[in-house]
Amino acid sequence: MATLNAAPNLLMWISGHRHFNTVKAFVSPDPAHPEMGFWQFETSSLRDFPQQFRTFEIRLNENGTVSVITLNVDPAVAEGTPAATSRRCAVAVQQIVRNDLRLNVPNDATLGGKDTIPLPSMDPSRPQDGLPAPSIRFTDLAAADPPVPYHASCNAELVVPLSPDMAAKLKALF
């Protein structure tokens, strides 16, 4: 993490190793240099439920920041196609395995549940005290009309400040 925080103007780190759709902020360790912070995007696989893929759009803003606009997409599947077969398999695997699909589930201390195989961490960038990461926010839509018992989408416009040098270079180019 120190190596990534030392890279000025790093916008984002894209990962899919845990097969979840989450967005996490890595705030700069130096408040005088907010451009040393970045975003981590985790994206699920199309083989896993809910079978979403993510798009990214990067925009230069007039105020010396960059926006990363991210959108999760649910692909449409036609009955009888390989995509429909894949969707049924993904749903079946989720029903069997029952992964906790909440957006901000804390790291588990064990693999396979309580008192089973010790596991140091599923994600070393997250707090190791059993608490959720504070920058990952989950909106509970269970009380919405109509209720949504589960959702994994995280669509957002995330803003990253630029160093003064990078802002000047980009302003001269565009």
N, C-alpha and C. Protein backbone atom coordinates (compact mmCIF):
# COMPACT_ATOMS: atom_id res chain seq x y z
N MET A 1 0.83 -1.19 0.00
CA MET A 1 0.00 0.00 0.00
C MET A 1 0.87 1.25 0.00
N ALA A 2 1.99 1.21 0.70
CA ALA A 2 2.88 2.38 0.74
C ALA A 2 3.41 2.69 -0.66
N THR A 3 3.71 1.65 -1.43
CA THR A 3 4.20 1.87 -2.81
C THR A 3 3.13 2.55 -3.65
N LEU A 4 1.89 2.10 -3.54
CA LEU A 4 0.80 2.71 -4.31
C LEU A 4 0.53 4.14 -3.85
N ASN A 5 0.55 4.38 -2.54
CA ASN A 5 0.34 5.73 -2.04
C ASN A 5 1.47 6.68 -2.42
N ALA A 6 2.64 6.14 -2.76
CA ALA A 6 3.77 6.99 -3.15
C ALA A 6 3.70 7.40 -4.62
N ALA A 7 2.77 6.83 -5.37
CA ALA A 7 2.65 7.14 -6.80
C ALA A 7 1.70 8.33 -6.97
N PRO A 8 2.21 9.49 -7.37
CA PRO A 8 1.31 10.63 -7.54
C PRO A 8 0.39 10.40 -8.74
N ASN A 9 -0.86 10.80 -8.58
CA ASN A 9 -1.84 10.76 -9.66
C ASN A 9 -2.27 9.35 -10.06
N LEU A 10 -2.12 8.38 -9.17
CA LEU A 10 -2.69 7.06 -9.41
C LEU A 10 -4.20 7.20 -9.22
N LEU A 11 -4.98 6.90 -10.23
CA LEU A 11 -6.43 7.09 -10.14
C LEU A 11 -7.12 5.92 -9.48
N MET A 12 -6.77 4.70 -9.94
CA MET A 12 -7.50 3.55 -9.44
C MET A 12 -6.69 2.28 -9.59
N TRP A 13 -7.12 1.30 -8.82
CA TRP A 13 -6.55 -0.03 -8.84
C TRP A 13 -7.76 -0.95 -9.08
N ILE A 14 -7.68 -1.73 -10.15
CA ILE A 14 -8.80 -2.60 -10.51
C ILE A 14 -8.45 -4.03 -10.15
N SER A 15 -9.37 -4.69 -9.45
CA SER A 15 -9.13 -6.04 -8.98
C SER A 15 -10.38 -6.88 -9.15
N GLY A 16 -10.21 -8.16 -9.27
CA GLY A 16 -11.35 -9.06 -9.33
C GLY A 16 -11.10 -10.32 -8.54
N HIS A 17 -10.07 -10.31 -7.70
CA HIS A 17 -9.66 -11.55 -7.04
C HIS A 17 -10.69 -12.12 -6.06
N ARG A 18 -11.59 -11.30 -5.53
CA ARG A 18 -12.57 -11.83 -4.58
C ARG A 18 -13.95 -12.01 -5.20
N HIS A 19 -14.12 -11.65 -6.46
CA HIS A 19 -15.38 -11.86 -7.18
C HIS A 19 -16.54 -11.12 -6.55
N PHE A 20 -16.31 -9.88 -6.06
CA PHE A 20 -17.35 -9.03 -5.50
C PHE A 20 -17.33 -7.69 -6.23
N ASN A 21 -18.46 -7.01 -6.22
CA ASN A 21 -18.55 -5.66 -6.77
C ASN A 21 -18.48 -4.66 -5.62
N THR A 22 -17.31 -4.07 -5.41
CA THR A 22 -17.15 -3.07 -4.37
C THR A 22 -16.27 -1.94 -4.87
N VAL A 23 -16.37 -0.81 -4.20
CA VAL A 23 -15.50 0.34 -4.45
C VAL A 23 -14.99 0.80 -3.09
N LYS A 24 -13.69 0.98 -2.99
CA LYS A 24 -13.09 1.38 -1.71
C LYS A 24 -12.15 2.56 -1.93
N ALA A 25 -12.18 3.51 -1.02
CA ALA A 25 -11.28 4.67 -1.08
C ALA A 25 -10.01 4.40 -0.30
N PHE A 26 -8.88 4.74 -0.88
CA PHE A 26 -7.60 4.75 -0.17
C PHE A 26 -7.19 6.21 -0.07
N VAL A 27 -7.42 6.78 1.07
CA VAL A 27 -7.15 8.20 1.30
C VAL A 27 -5.65 8.39 1.44
N SER A 28 -5.17 9.51 0.93
CA SER A 28 -3.75 9.83 1.03
C SER A 28 -3.32 9.86 2.50
N PRO A 29 -2.17 9.27 2.80
CA PRO A 29 -1.68 9.34 4.19
C PRO A 29 -1.19 10.75 4.55
N ASP A 30 -1.02 11.62 3.54
CA ASP A 30 -0.54 12.98 3.76
C ASP A 30 -1.65 13.96 3.38
N PRO A 31 -2.32 14.59 4.36
CA PRO A 31 -3.42 15.51 4.05
C PRO A 31 -2.99 16.68 3.15
N ALA A 32 -1.72 17.02 3.13
CA ALA A 32 -1.25 18.11 2.28
C ALA A 32 -1.14 17.68 0.81
N HIS A 33 -1.22 16.38 0.55
CA HIS A 33 -1.11 15.85 -0.82
C HIS A 33 -2.25 14.86 -1.09
N PRO A 34 -3.48 15.37 -1.25
CA PRO A 34 -4.62 14.46 -1.48
C PRO A 34 -4.50 13.67 -2.78
N GLU A 35 -3.66 14.13 -3.71
CA GLU A 35 -3.49 13.41 -4.97
C GLU A 35 -2.81 12.05 -4.78
N MET A 36 -2.30 11.77 -3.59
CA MET A 36 -1.68 10.48 -3.32
C MET A 36 -2.71 9.41 -2.92
N GLY A 37 -3.98 9.77 -2.89
CA GLY A 37 -5.04 8.80 -2.64
C GLY A 37 -5.55 8.23 -3.95
N PHE A 38 -6.26 7.12 -3.87
CA PHE A 38 -6.79 6.48 -5.08
C PHE A 38 -7.98 5.61 -4.70
N TRP A 39 -8.64 5.05 -5.72
CA TRP A 39 -9.80 4.18 -5.52
C TRP A 39 -9.45 2.75 -5.89
N GLN A 40 -10.02 1.80 -5.18
CA GLN A 40 -9.91 0.38 -5.54
C GLN A 40 -11.28 -0.09 -6.01
N PHE A 41 -11.32 -0.67 -7.20
CA PHE A 41 -12.55 -1.25 -7.74
C PHE A 41 -12.38 -2.76 -7.77
N GLU A 42 -13.31 -3.45 -7.15
CA GLU A 42 -13.34 -4.91 -7.25
C GLU A 42 -14.57 -5.26 -8.10
N THR A 43 -14.37 -6.17 -9.02
CA THR A 43 -15.44 -6.52 -9.94
C THR A 43 -15.61 -8.03 -9.96
N SER A 44 -16.85 -8.45 -9.95
CA SER A 44 -17.12 -9.89 -9.99
C SER A 44 -16.85 -10.45 -11.38
N SER A 45 -16.84 -11.74 -11.45
CA SER A 45 -16.63 -12.44 -12.71
C SER A 45 -17.97 -12.71 -13.38
N LEU A 46 -17.98 -12.82 -14.68
CA LEU A 46 -19.22 -13.17 -15.38
C LEU A 46 -19.62 -14.61 -15.12
N ARG A 47 -18.75 -15.39 -14.49
CA ARG A 47 -19.14 -16.76 -14.13
C ARG A 47 -19.86 -16.80 -12.78
N ASP A 48 -19.78 -15.71 -12.02
CA ASP A 48 -20.36 -15.64 -10.69
C ASP A 48 -21.65 -14.83 -10.70
N PHE A 49 -22.60 -15.22 -9.84
CA PHE A 49 -23.79 -14.43 -9.63
C PHE A 49 -23.37 -13.11 -8.97
N PRO A 50 -23.83 -11.97 -9.40
CA PRO A 50 -24.95 -11.68 -10.28
C PRO A 50 -24.59 -11.47 -11.75
N GLN A 51 -23.41 -11.86 -12.17
CA GLN A 51 -22.97 -11.78 -13.57
C GLN A 51 -23.03 -10.36 -14.12
N GLN A 52 -22.37 -9.45 -13.44
CA GLN A 52 -22.30 -8.07 -13.90
C GLN A 52 -20.88 -7.78 -14.38
N PHE A 53 -20.77 -6.91 -15.37
CA PHE A 53 -19.46 -6.39 -15.72
C PHE A 53 -19.48 -4.89 -15.48
N ARG A 54 -18.30 -4.30 -15.43
CA ARG A 54 -18.17 -2.90 -15.04
C ARG A 54 -17.53 -2.11 -16.18
N THR A 55 -18.04 -0.90 -16.38
CA THR A 55 -17.43 0.01 -17.34
C THR A 55 -16.82 1.18 -16.57
N PHE A 56 -15.82 1.82 -17.18
CA PHE A 56 -15.16 2.97 -16.58
C PHE A 56 -15.08 4.08 -17.61
N GLU A 57 -15.33 5.29 -17.17
CA GLU A 57 -15.13 6.48 -17.99
C GLU A 57 -14.32 7.45 -17.14
N ILE A 58 -13.26 7.99 -17.72
CA ILE A 58 -12.40 8.93 -16.99
C ILE A 58 -12.53 10.29 -17.64
N ARG A 59 -12.85 11.30 -16.81
CA ARG A 59 -13.06 12.67 -17.32
C ARG A 59 -12.16 13.64 -16.57
N LEU A 60 -11.59 14.56 -17.31
CA LEU A 60 -10.83 15.65 -16.72
C LEU A 60 -11.80 16.77 -16.39
N ASN A 61 -11.82 17.22 -15.13
CA ASN A 61 -12.70 18.30 -14.69
C ASN A 61 -11.95 19.63 -14.72
N GLU A 62 -12.69 20.71 -14.86
CA GLU A 62 -12.08 22.04 -14.94
C GLU A 62 -11.42 22.48 -13.64
N ASN A 63 -11.78 21.85 -12.52
CA ASN A 63 -11.26 22.29 -11.22
C ASN A 63 -9.97 21.56 -10.80
N GLY A 64 -9.30 20.89 -11.75
CA GLY A 64 -8.04 20.22 -11.42
C GLY A 64 -8.22 18.86 -10.80
N THR A 65 -9.37 18.24 -11.02
CA THR A 65 -9.63 16.88 -10.55
C THR A 65 -9.97 16.00 -11.75
N VAL A 66 -10.00 14.72 -11.50
CA VAL A 66 -10.41 13.74 -12.51
C VAL A 66 -11.58 12.97 -11.92
N SER A 67 -12.60 12.74 -12.72
CA SER A 67 -13.72 11.90 -12.31
C SER A 67 -13.57 10.52 -12.94
N VAL A 68 -13.77 9.50 -12.12
CA VAL A 68 -13.86 8.13 -12.61
C VAL A 68 -15.33 7.75 -12.47
N ILE A 69 -15.99 7.54 -13.59
CA ILE A 69 -17.40 7.16 -13.58
C ILE A 69 -17.46 5.66 -13.84
N THR A 70 -18.04 4.95 -12.90
CA THR A 70 -18.12 3.50 -13.01
C THR A 70 -19.57 3.06 -13.02
N LEU A 71 -19.84 2.08 -13.85
CA LEU A 71 -21.20 1.59 -14.01
C LEU A 71 -21.18 0.08 -14.12
N ASN A 72 -21.96 -0.59 -13.28
CA ASN A 72 -22.14 -2.04 -13.40
C ASN A 72 -23.25 -2.30 -14.40
N VAL A 73 -23.05 -3.31 -15.23
CA VAL A 73 -24.00 -3.62 -16.29
C VAL A 73 -24.48 -5.05 -16.13
N ASP A 74 -25.80 -5.23 -16.18
CA ASP A 74 -26.40 -6.56 -16.18
C ASP A 74 -26.63 -6.96 -17.64
N PRO A 75 -25.87 -7.92 -18.16
CA PRO A 75 -26.09 -8.30 -19.55
C PRO A 75 -27.43 -9.00 -19.74
N ALA A 76 -28.09 -8.71 -20.86
CA ALA A 76 -29.34 -9.40 -21.20
C ALA A 76 -28.99 -10.77 -21.77
N VAL A 77 -29.77 -11.76 -21.41
CA VAL A 77 -29.53 -13.11 -21.94
C VAL A 77 -30.81 -13.62 -22.59
N ALA A 78 -30.65 -14.21 -23.76
CA ALA A 78 -31.79 -14.79 -24.47
C ALA A 78 -31.87 -16.28 -24.15
N GLU A 79 -33.07 -16.75 -23.92
CA GLU A 79 -33.30 -18.16 -23.58
C GLU A 79 -32.72 -19.05 -24.68
N GLY A 80 -32.08 -20.14 -24.25
CA GLY A 80 -31.51 -21.10 -25.19
C GLY A 80 -30.10 -20.79 -25.62
N THR A 81 -29.53 -19.69 -25.14
CA THR A 81 -28.18 -19.31 -25.53
C THR A 81 -27.17 -19.79 -24.48
N PRO A 82 -25.90 -19.84 -24.85
CA PRO A 82 -24.88 -20.16 -23.83
C PRO A 82 -24.91 -19.19 -22.64
N ALA A 83 -25.26 -17.92 -22.90
CA ALA A 83 -25.35 -16.95 -21.81
C ALA A 83 -26.44 -17.34 -20.81
N ALA A 84 -27.57 -17.86 -21.30
CA ALA A 84 -28.65 -18.29 -20.40
C ALA A 84 -28.21 -19.50 -19.58
N THR A 85 -27.48 -20.41 -20.20
CA THR A 85 -26.95 -21.57 -19.46
C THR A 85 -25.99 -21.09 -18.38
N SER A 86 -25.13 -20.14 -18.72
CA SER A 86 -24.19 -19.59 -17.75
C SER A 86 -24.92 -18.93 -16.59
N ARG A 87 -25.99 -18.19 -16.87
CA ARG A 87 -26.76 -17.54 -15.81
C ARG A 87 -27.35 -18.58 -14.87
N ARG A 88 -27.94 -19.65 -15.41
CA ARG A 88 -28.51 -20.70 -14.56
C ARG A 88 -27.43 -21.34 -13.68
N CYS A 89 -26.25 -21.58 -14.25
CA CYS A 89 -25.16 -22.17 -13.47
C CYS A 89 -24.70 -21.23 -12.36
N ALA A 90 -24.60 -19.94 -12.66
CA ALA A 90 -24.18 -18.98 -11.65
C ALA A 90 -25.18 -18.91 -10.50
N VAL A 91 -26.46 -18.92 -10.82
CA VAL A 91 -27.50 -18.92 -9.78
C VAL A 91 -27.42 -20.20 -8.95
N ALA A 92 -27.24 -21.34 -9.61
CA ALA A 92 -27.16 -22.63 -8.89
C ALA A 92 -25.96 -22.67 -7.95
N VAL A 93 -24.81 -22.19 -8.43
CA VAL A 93 -23.62 -22.18 -7.57
C VAL A 93 -23.85 -21.29 -6.36
N GLN A 94 -24.46 -20.12 -6.57
CA GLN A 94 -24.73 -19.23 -5.44
C GLN A 94 -25.69 -19.89 -4.45
N GLN A 95 -26.68 -20.62 -4.93
CA GLN A 95 -27.62 -21.30 -4.04
C GLN A 95 -26.94 -22.40 -3.25
N ILE A 96 -25.94 -23.06 -3.84
CA ILE A 96 -25.22 -24.13 -3.14
C ILE A 96 -24.19 -23.57 -2.18
N VAL A 97 -23.34 -22.65 -2.67
CA VAL A 97 -22.22 -22.14 -1.88
C VAL A 97 -22.68 -21.09 -0.87
N ARG A 98 -23.67 -20.29 -1.22
CA ARG A 98 -24.21 -19.24 -0.35
C ARG A 98 -23.15 -18.24 0.12
N ASN A 99 -22.37 -17.72 -0.84
CA ASN A 99 -21.42 -16.66 -0.52
C ASN A 99 -22.17 -15.48 0.08
N ASP A 100 -21.56 -14.84 1.05
CA ASP A 100 -22.14 -13.62 1.61
C ASP A 100 -21.89 -12.51 0.61
N LEU A 101 -22.92 -12.04 -0.05
CA LEU A 101 -22.78 -11.08 -1.14
C LEU A 101 -22.99 -9.64 -0.71
N ARG A 102 -23.01 -9.39 0.59
CA ARG A 102 -23.12 -8.00 1.03
C ARG A 102 -21.91 -7.22 0.55
N LEU A 103 -22.10 -5.97 0.24
CA LEU A 103 -21.03 -5.16 -0.32
C LEU A 103 -19.86 -4.95 0.63
N ASN A 104 -20.07 -4.99 1.91
CA ASN A 104 -19.00 -4.65 2.84
C ASN A 104 -18.85 -5.68 3.94
N VAL A 105 -18.90 -6.93 3.56
CA VAL A 105 -18.73 -7.99 4.55
C VAL A 105 -17.30 -7.93 5.11
N PRO A 106 -17.12 -8.01 6.43
CA PRO A 106 -15.77 -7.96 6.99
C PRO A 106 -14.95 -9.19 6.58
N ASN A 107 -13.64 -9.10 6.74
CA ASN A 107 -12.78 -10.26 6.49
C ASN A 107 -13.18 -11.39 7.44
N ASP A 108 -13.19 -12.59 6.91
CA ASP A 108 -13.45 -13.76 7.75
C ASP A 108 -12.15 -14.22 8.39
N ALA A 109 -12.24 -14.68 9.63
CA ALA A 109 -11.05 -15.20 10.31
C ALA A 109 -10.76 -16.64 9.90
N THR A 110 -11.75 -17.31 9.36
CA THR A 110 -11.56 -18.70 8.95
C THR A 110 -12.20 -18.95 7.60
N LEU A 111 -11.72 -19.95 6.92
CA LEU A 111 -12.28 -20.37 5.65
C LEU A 111 -13.25 -21.51 5.93
N GLY A 112 -14.46 -21.40 5.45
CA GLY A 112 -15.44 -22.44 5.67
C GLY A 112 -16.32 -22.20 6.88
N GLY A 113 -16.18 -21.07 7.53
CA GLY A 113 -17.02 -20.75 8.67
C GLY A 113 -16.28 -20.81 9.99
N LYS A 114 -17.00 -20.52 11.04
CA LYS A 114 -16.43 -20.46 12.39
C LYS A 114 -15.77 -21.79 12.77
N ASP A 115 -14.60 -21.66 13.39
CA ASP A 115 -13.85 -22.81 13.93
C ASP A 115 -13.44 -23.83 12.87
N THR A 116 -13.15 -23.37 11.65
CA THR A 116 -12.66 -24.29 10.63
C THR A 116 -11.23 -23.88 10.25
N ILE A 117 -10.89 -23.86 9.00
CA ILE A 117 -9.51 -23.63 8.56
C ILE A 117 -9.11 -22.17 8.81
N PRO A 118 -8.03 -21.92 9.57
CA PRO A 118 -7.59 -20.53 9.80
C PRO A 118 -7.21 -19.86 8.49
N LEU A 119 -7.62 -18.61 8.35
CA LEU A 119 -7.35 -17.84 7.14
C LEU A 119 -6.90 -16.45 7.56
N PRO A 120 -5.65 -16.06 7.23
CA PRO A 120 -5.18 -14.77 7.70
C PRO A 120 -6.00 -13.59 7.19
N SER A 121 -6.37 -13.60 5.90
CA SER A 121 -7.17 -12.50 5.37
C SER A 121 -7.57 -12.80 3.94
N MET A 122 -8.77 -12.41 3.59
CA MET A 122 -9.20 -12.47 2.20
C MET A 122 -8.74 -11.23 1.45
N ASP A 123 -8.50 -10.15 2.16
CA ASP A 123 -8.11 -8.90 1.54
C ASP A 123 -7.23 -8.12 2.50
N PRO A 124 -5.91 -8.13 2.28
CA PRO A 124 -5.02 -7.46 3.22
C PRO A 124 -5.17 -5.95 3.25
N SER A 125 -5.90 -5.36 2.29
CA SER A 125 -6.10 -3.91 2.31
C SER A 125 -7.23 -3.49 3.23
N ARG A 126 -7.93 -4.46 3.80
CA ARG A 126 -9.06 -4.15 4.68
C ARG A 126 -8.65 -4.27 6.13
N PRO A 127 -9.41 -3.66 7.05
CA PRO A 127 -9.10 -3.80 8.47
C PRO A 127 -9.09 -5.27 8.87
N GLN A 128 -8.16 -5.63 9.72
CA GLN A 128 -8.02 -7.03 10.14
C GLN A 128 -8.65 -7.29 11.51
N ASP A 129 -9.48 -6.37 11.95
CA ASP A 129 -10.09 -6.50 13.28
C ASP A 129 -11.51 -7.04 13.23
N GLY A 130 -11.92 -7.58 12.06
CA GLY A 130 -13.27 -8.12 11.94
C GLY A 130 -14.32 -7.07 11.63
N LEU A 131 -13.91 -5.82 11.43
CA LEU A 131 -14.87 -4.76 11.12
C LEU A 131 -14.87 -4.50 9.61
N PRO A 132 -15.96 -3.96 9.10
CA PRO A 132 -15.98 -3.61 7.67
C PRO A 132 -15.09 -2.41 7.37
N ALA A 133 -14.68 -2.27 6.10
CA ALA A 133 -13.88 -1.12 5.69
C ALA A 133 -14.76 0.13 5.72
N PRO A 134 -14.34 1.20 6.38
CA PRO A 134 -15.21 2.37 6.55
C PRO A 134 -15.56 3.10 5.26
N SER A 135 -14.75 3.00 4.21
CA SER A 135 -15.06 3.74 2.99
C SER A 135 -15.99 2.98 2.06
N ILE A 136 -16.26 1.70 2.34
CA ILE A 136 -17.19 0.94 1.51
C ILE A 136 -18.58 1.12 2.12
N ARG A 137 -19.48 1.71 1.36
CA ARG A 137 -20.81 2.01 1.89
C ARG A 137 -21.85 1.14 1.22
N PHE A 138 -22.78 0.64 2.00
CA PHE A 138 -23.84 -0.22 1.51
C PHE A 138 -25.18 0.47 1.76
N THR A 139 -26.00 0.55 0.75
CA THR A 139 -27.34 1.10 0.90
C THR A 139 -28.31 -0.06 1.02
N ASP A 140 -28.98 -0.15 2.14
CA ASP A 140 -29.94 -1.23 2.37
C ASP A 140 -31.24 -0.87 1.65
N LEU A 141 -31.57 -1.66 0.62
CA LEU A 141 -32.78 -1.41 -0.16
C LEU A 141 -33.92 -2.37 0.20
N ALA A 142 -33.80 -3.06 1.32
CA ALA A 142 -34.83 -4.00 1.73
C ALA A 142 -36.17 -3.30 2.01
N ALA A 143 -36.12 -2.03 2.39
CA ALA A 143 -37.35 -1.29 2.70
C ALA A 143 -37.82 -0.44 1.51
N ALA A 144 -37.16 -0.56 0.37
CA ALA A 144 -37.55 0.23 -0.81
C ALA A 144 -38.89 -0.28 -1.35
N ASP A 145 -39.48 0.50 -2.23
CA ASP A 145 -40.75 0.10 -2.84
C ASP A 145 -40.55 -0.03 -4.35
N PRO A 146 -40.47 -1.23 -4.89
CA PRO A 146 -40.55 -2.53 -4.23
C PRO A 146 -39.23 -2.87 -3.53
N PRO A 147 -39.25 -3.77 -2.54
CA PRO A 147 -38.03 -4.11 -1.80
C PRO A 147 -37.02 -4.84 -2.68
N VAL A 148 -35.75 -4.57 -2.43
CA VAL A 148 -34.66 -5.24 -3.13
C VAL A 148 -33.84 -5.96 -2.05
N PRO A 149 -33.99 -7.28 -1.93
CA PRO A 149 -33.31 -7.99 -0.84
C PRO A 149 -31.80 -8.04 -1.00
N TYR A 150 -31.30 -7.98 -2.25
CA TYR A 150 -29.86 -8.03 -2.48
C TYR A 150 -29.54 -7.22 -3.72
N HIS A 151 -28.50 -6.46 -3.66
CA HIS A 151 -27.99 -5.79 -4.86
C HIS A 151 -26.48 -5.66 -4.71
N ALA A 152 -25.78 -5.81 -5.82
CA ALA A 152 -24.32 -5.74 -5.78
C ALA A 152 -23.78 -4.61 -6.64
N SER A 153 -24.66 -3.83 -7.22
CA SER A 153 -24.18 -2.75 -8.08
C SER A 153 -23.60 -1.62 -7.26
N CYS A 154 -22.59 -1.02 -7.81
CA CYS A 154 -22.02 0.17 -7.20
C CYS A 154 -21.68 1.11 -8.33
N ASN A 155 -22.65 1.93 -8.71
CA ASN A 155 -22.47 2.89 -9.78
C ASN A 155 -22.17 4.23 -9.14
N ALA A 156 -21.10 4.89 -9.62
CA ALA A 156 -20.69 6.11 -8.93
C ALA A 156 -19.84 6.99 -9.82
N GLU A 157 -19.79 8.27 -9.44
CA GLU A 157 -18.77 9.17 -9.97
C GLU A 157 -17.84 9.48 -8.81
N LEU A 158 -16.60 9.07 -8.95
CA LEU A 158 -15.61 9.23 -7.89
C LEU A 158 -14.59 10.27 -8.35
N VAL A 159 -14.23 11.17 -7.47
CA VAL A 159 -13.36 12.28 -7.83
C VAL A 159 -11.97 12.06 -7.22
N VAL A 160 -10.95 12.28 -8.05
CA VAL A 160 -9.56 12.15 -7.62
C VAL A 160 -8.87 13.48 -7.86
N PRO A 161 -8.29 14.10 -6.81
CA PRO A 161 -7.55 15.34 -7.03
C PRO A 161 -6.23 15.06 -7.75
N LEU A 162 -5.76 16.01 -8.54
CA LEU A 162 -4.49 15.89 -9.24
C LEU A 162 -3.44 16.75 -8.55
N SER A 163 -2.19 16.35 -8.68
CA SER A 163 -1.12 17.21 -8.18
C SER A 163 -1.12 18.50 -9.00
N PRO A 164 -0.62 19.59 -8.45
CA PRO A 164 -0.58 20.84 -9.23
C PRO A 164 0.16 20.68 -10.56
N ASP A 165 1.26 19.93 -10.56
CA ASP A 165 2.02 19.72 -11.80
C ASP A 165 1.17 18.99 -12.84
N MET A 166 0.49 17.91 -12.43
CA MET A 166 -0.32 17.14 -13.38
C MET A 166 -1.50 17.96 -13.86
N ALA A 167 -2.14 18.72 -12.98
CA ALA A 167 -3.27 19.56 -13.39
C ALA A 167 -2.80 20.57 -14.45
N ALA A 168 -1.63 21.17 -14.25
CA ALA A 168 -1.10 22.14 -15.22
C ALA A 168 -0.78 21.47 -16.55
N LYS A 169 -0.19 20.28 -16.52
CA LYS A 169 0.14 19.56 -17.76
C LYS A 169 -1.13 19.23 -18.54
N LEU A 170 -2.14 18.72 -17.86
CA LEU A 170 -3.37 18.35 -18.55
C LEU A 170 -4.12 19.59 -19.06
N LYS A 171 -4.09 20.66 -18.29
CA LYS A 171 -4.75 21.90 -18.74
C LYS A 171 -4.09 22.41 -20.03
N ALA A 172 -2.77 22.31 -20.10
CA ALA A 172 -2.07 22.74 -21.32
C ALA A 172 -2.40 21.85 -22.51
N LEU A 173 -2.63 20.57 -22.28
CA LEU A 173 -2.95 19.63 -23.36
C LEU A 173 -4.38 19.75 -23.84
N PHE A 174 -5.29 20.03 -22.92
CA PHE A 174 -6.72 20.02 -23.28
C PHE A 174 -7.33 21.37 -23.07
